Amino acid sequence: MSLFSGKHDTAAMEAVLRYDSFEGGGPEYSAEFAQEDIAEYTCVRDYENKSKETICGAPFFYVFTFRGLRPGCTKLKISSFSPIVPPEQEEYLVEVDESLHIKLTLLGEA
């Protein structure tokens, strides 16, 4: 489901997950923390071709960027929803150290 970019096995100040989609029915993604006070995220759409942002079928990535807020561990669920693609879900362990470095570890896909 994901195209993981960044360092998967070491802690960094930010962790990035990228999910591919397309305009006009491609999957939409959402993220949910078990504990919301340990980490935060932003999500943007990154179009491969900026001039085709509104064209049906135009490919793009959902880019989630995660940052630590305080030391601790929590779980993260990334879910996809689409009228034409079966839903998927991934679960990650999120670890934030004392320096607010964040590490994501894939626990499994459903």
Protein backbone atom coordinates (compact mmCIF):
# COMPACT_ATOMS: atom_id res chain seq x y z
CA MET A 1 0.00 0.00 0.00
CA SER A 2 2.73 2.51 0.85
CA LEU A 3 5.83 3.74 -0.85
CA PHE A 4 7.91 4.40 2.24
CA SER A 5 10.55 7.07 1.88
CA GLY A 6 12.99 8.11 4.51
CA LYS A 7 14.79 5.96 7.03
CA HIS A 8 12.65 3.02 8.02
CA ASP A 9 14.93 1.50 10.66
CA THR A 10 16.55 4.53 12.25
CA ALA A 11 15.09 7.49 14.08
CA ALA A 12 15.07 10.90 12.38
CA MET A 13 13.47 14.26 13.11
CA GLU A 14 10.77 13.47 10.53
CA ALA A 15 9.38 10.31 8.95
CA VAL A 16 7.62 10.34 5.59
CA LEU A 17 5.09 7.92 4.09
CA ARG A 18 3.93 8.28 0.47
CA TYR A 19 0.81 6.64 -0.96
CA ASP A 20 -0.01 6.74 -4.65
CA SER A 21 -3.45 7.65 -5.91
CA PHE A 22 -5.18 9.33 -8.86
CA GLU A 23 -7.90 11.90 -9.48
CA GLY A 24 -11.40 10.57 -10.10
CA GLY A 25 -11.67 7.56 -7.82
CA GLY A 26 -8.21 6.77 -6.55
CA PRO A 27 -7.82 5.88 -2.90
CA GLU A 28 -8.01 8.59 -0.25
CA TYR A 29 -5.89 8.09 2.86
CA SER A 30 -6.34 8.99 6.50
CA ALA A 31 -4.08 8.63 9.54
CA GLU A 32 -5.08 8.05 13.15
CA PHE A 33 -2.87 7.85 16.25
CA ALA A 34 -3.89 5.79 19.28
CA GLN A 35 -2.43 8.63 21.42
CA GLU A 36 -2.49 12.01 19.72
CA ASP A 37 -0.09 13.79 22.08
CA ILE A 38 3.05 11.82 21.11
CA ALA A 39 3.32 12.72 17.43
CA GLU A 40 1.67 14.84 14.76
CA TYR A 41 1.48 14.77 10.99
CA THR A 42 0.78 16.88 7.96
CA CYS A 43 -0.53 15.51 4.68
CA VAL A 44 -0.27 17.08 1.22
CA ARG A 45 -1.03 15.94 -2.30
CA ASP A 46 2.06 15.85 -4.51
CA TYR A 47 1.21 15.75 -8.22
CA GLU A 48 3.77 14.30 -10.60
CA ASN A 49 2.67 16.84 -13.20
CA LYS A 50 1.42 20.08 -11.58
CA SER A 51 -0.41 21.16 -14.77
CA LYS A 52 -2.72 18.10 -14.58
CA GLU A 53 -3.96 18.51 -10.99
CA THR A 54 -7.64 18.62 -11.96
CA ILE A 55 -7.64 16.10 -14.83
CA CYS A 56 -9.46 12.83 -14.12
CA GLY A 57 -6.91 10.05 -13.81
CA ALA A 58 -4.00 12.39 -12.97
CA PRO A 59 -1.58 10.54 -10.66
CA PHE A 60 -0.46 12.02 -7.35
CA PHE A 61 0.92 10.97 -3.97
CA TYR A 62 -0.51 11.53 -0.52
CA VAL A 63 2.59 12.56 1.43
CA PHE A 64 2.35 12.16 5.21
CA THR A 65 5.13 13.82 7.23
CA PHE A 66 5.35 12.79 10.90
CA ARG A 67 7.06 14.69 13.73
CA GLY A 68 7.48 13.85 17.40
CA LEU A 69 5.78 16.01 20.05
CA ARG A 70 6.97 14.28 23.21
CA PRO A 71 8.82 11.07 24.09
CA GLY A 72 6.74 7.90 24.03
CA CYS A 73 5.24 5.15 21.89
CA THR A 74 1.88 4.86 20.19
CA LYS A 75 0.26 3.04 17.30
CA LEU A 76 -0.67 4.62 13.99
CA LYS A 77 -3.28 3.39 11.52
CA ILE A 78 -3.23 4.47 7.89
CA SER A 79 -6.48 3.64 6.10
CA SER A 80 -7.45 3.93 2.44
CA PHE A 81 -10.95 4.51 1.06
CA SER A 82 -12.04 4.41 -2.59
CA PRO A 83 -15.25 3.72 -4.50
CA ILE A 84 -13.34 1.50 -6.98
CA VAL A 85 -10.35 0.10 -5.06
CA PRO A 86 -10.72 -2.25 -2.07
CA PRO A 87 -9.96 -0.58 1.29
CA GLU A 88 -6.63 -1.30 2.95
CA GLN A 89 -5.12 -0.54 6.33
CA GLU A 90 -1.58 -0.46 7.69
CA GLU A 91 -0.56 -0.31 11.33
CA TYR A 92 2.72 1.20 12.55
CA LEU A 93 4.47 1.48 15.88
CA VAL A 94 5.52 5.10 16.41
CA GLU A 95 8.45 5.69 18.76
CA VAL A 96 9.60 9.17 19.77
CA ASP A 97 12.82 9.51 21.78
CA GLU A 98 13.96 12.23 24.19
CA SER A 99 15.40 14.29 21.30
CA LEU A 100 12.03 14.03 19.48
CA HIS A 101 13.48 11.77 16.79
CA ILE A 102 10.67 9.65 15.36
CA LYS A 103 10.78 6.06 14.15
CA LEU A 104 7.97 4.21 12.34
CA THR A 105 7.92 0.42 12.29
CA LEU A 106 5.37 -1.38 10.12
CA LEU A 107 3.46 -3.86 12.25
CA GLY A 108 1.24 -5.24 9.52
CA GLU A 109 -1.29 -4.76 6.78
CA ALA A 110 -4.96 -5.67 6.95
